[in-house]
Amino acid sequence: MAIDHTGIGVRDVAVSAKFYDAALGALGLRRIVQLPKEGAADAIGYGADFPTFWIDRFIRTDRNIIWPSPQAAAARSMLSTKRR
């Protein structure tokens, strides 16, 4: 089984993106996608041709991590379908 992509949760996507733009840019990676496309980003995917590394905004609670992005439901649905 190959790993398609990986990522890290961050408190502030805009602030973190400044760091990752520079750090990953030095490795030849660039922003491939931002979700949502307009306005403040909840997630940014970096890569050479397609996103292989993601930064995502998250909120930590006492019980778990809640992914506030509206794309999270679609991702969970897709993953649960693939696992069947």
Protein backbone atom coordinates (compact mmCIF):
# COMPACT_ATOMS: atom_id res chain seq x y z
CA MET A 1 0.00 0.00 0.00
CA ALA A 2 1.37 3.40 -1.01
CA ILE A 3 0.85 6.61 0.91
CA ASP A 4 -0.99 9.15 -1.25
CA HIS A 5 -0.58 12.23 0.96
CA THR A 6 0.12 13.41 4.48
CA GLY A 7 -0.49 16.58 6.46
CA ILE A 8 -0.47 18.42 9.72
CA GLY A 9 -3.12 20.30 11.67
CA VAL A 10 -2.35 23.92 12.46
CA ARG A 11 -3.96 26.59 14.62
CA ASP A 12 -3.77 29.37 12.02
CA VAL A 13 -3.59 28.34 8.36
CA ALA A 14 -2.65 31.82 7.10
CA VAL A 15 0.29 32.18 9.50
CA SER A 16 1.45 28.59 8.95
CA ALA A 17 1.14 28.97 5.16
CA LYS A 18 3.81 31.70 5.20
CA PHE A 19 6.24 29.24 6.77
CA TYR A 20 5.29 26.28 4.55
CA ASP A 21 5.31 28.42 1.39
CA ALA A 22 8.98 29.20 2.06
CA ALA A 23 10.07 25.85 3.50
CA LEU A 24 8.35 23.65 0.93
CA GLY A 25 9.16 26.09 -1.88
CA ALA A 26 12.84 25.49 -1.18
CA LEU A 27 12.13 21.79 -1.83
CA GLY A 28 10.38 22.50 -5.13
CA LEU A 29 6.83 22.17 -3.82
CA ARG A 30 4.13 24.82 -4.31
CA ARG A 31 0.51 25.45 -3.36
CA ILE A 32 -1.64 23.25 -5.54
CA VAL A 33 -5.03 23.77 -3.90
CA GLN A 34 -6.65 25.92 -1.22
CA LEU A 35 -9.97 25.02 0.40
CA PRO A 36 -12.21 26.91 0.20
CA LYS A 37 -10.93 28.52 -3.00
CA GLU A 38 -12.01 32.03 -1.95
CA GLY A 39 -11.45 33.78 1.37
CA ALA A 40 -9.65 32.44 4.41
CA ALA A 41 -8.28 28.94 3.88
CA ASP A 42 -9.20 25.96 6.06
CA ALA A 43 -6.73 23.76 4.17
CA ILE A 44 -3.86 24.12 1.71
CA GLY A 45 -2.38 21.28 -0.32
CA TYR A 46 1.25 21.46 -1.46
CA GLY A 47 3.04 19.40 -4.08
CA ALA A 48 4.87 19.37 -7.39
CA ASP A 49 2.03 18.15 -9.64
CA PHE A 50 -0.72 17.23 -7.14
CA PRO A 51 -1.11 17.86 -3.38
CA THR A 52 0.98 15.44 -1.32
CA PHE A 53 1.32 17.53 1.87
CA TRP A 54 -1.59 19.36 3.52
CA ILE A 55 -1.96 21.88 6.31
CA ASP A 56 -5.45 21.98 7.84
CA ARG A 57 -7.07 24.15 10.50
CA PHE A 58 -8.27 22.27 13.56
CA ILE A 59 -9.78 22.90 16.97
CA ARG A 60 -8.67 20.70 19.86
CA THR A 61 -11.23 19.80 22.50
CA ASP A 62 -10.95 17.74 25.69
CA ARG A 63 -12.29 14.65 23.91
CA ASN A 64 -11.09 14.79 20.32
CA ILE A 65 -10.06 16.88 17.39
CA ILE A 66 -12.87 18.53 15.43
CA TRP A 67 -12.19 19.35 11.79
CA PRO A 68 -14.30 22.45 11.06
CA SER A 69 -13.81 22.46 7.30
CA PRO A 70 -16.94 21.71 5.25
CA GLN A 71 -14.76 19.40 3.15
CA ALA A 72 -14.20 17.15 6.19
CA ALA A 73 -17.59 15.46 5.81
CA ALA A 74 -16.88 14.67 2.17
CA ALA A 75 -13.44 13.31 3.08
CA ARG A 76 -14.86 11.11 5.87
CA SER A 77 -17.52 9.79 3.51
CA MET A 78 -14.96 8.98 0.84
CA LEU A 79 -12.67 7.24 3.32
CA SER A 80 -15.46 5.17 4.84
CA THR A 81 -16.49 4.03 1.34
CA LYS A 82 -12.91 2.98 0.50
CA ARG A 83 -12.55 1.02 3.74
CA ARG A 84 -15.55 -1.23 3.04
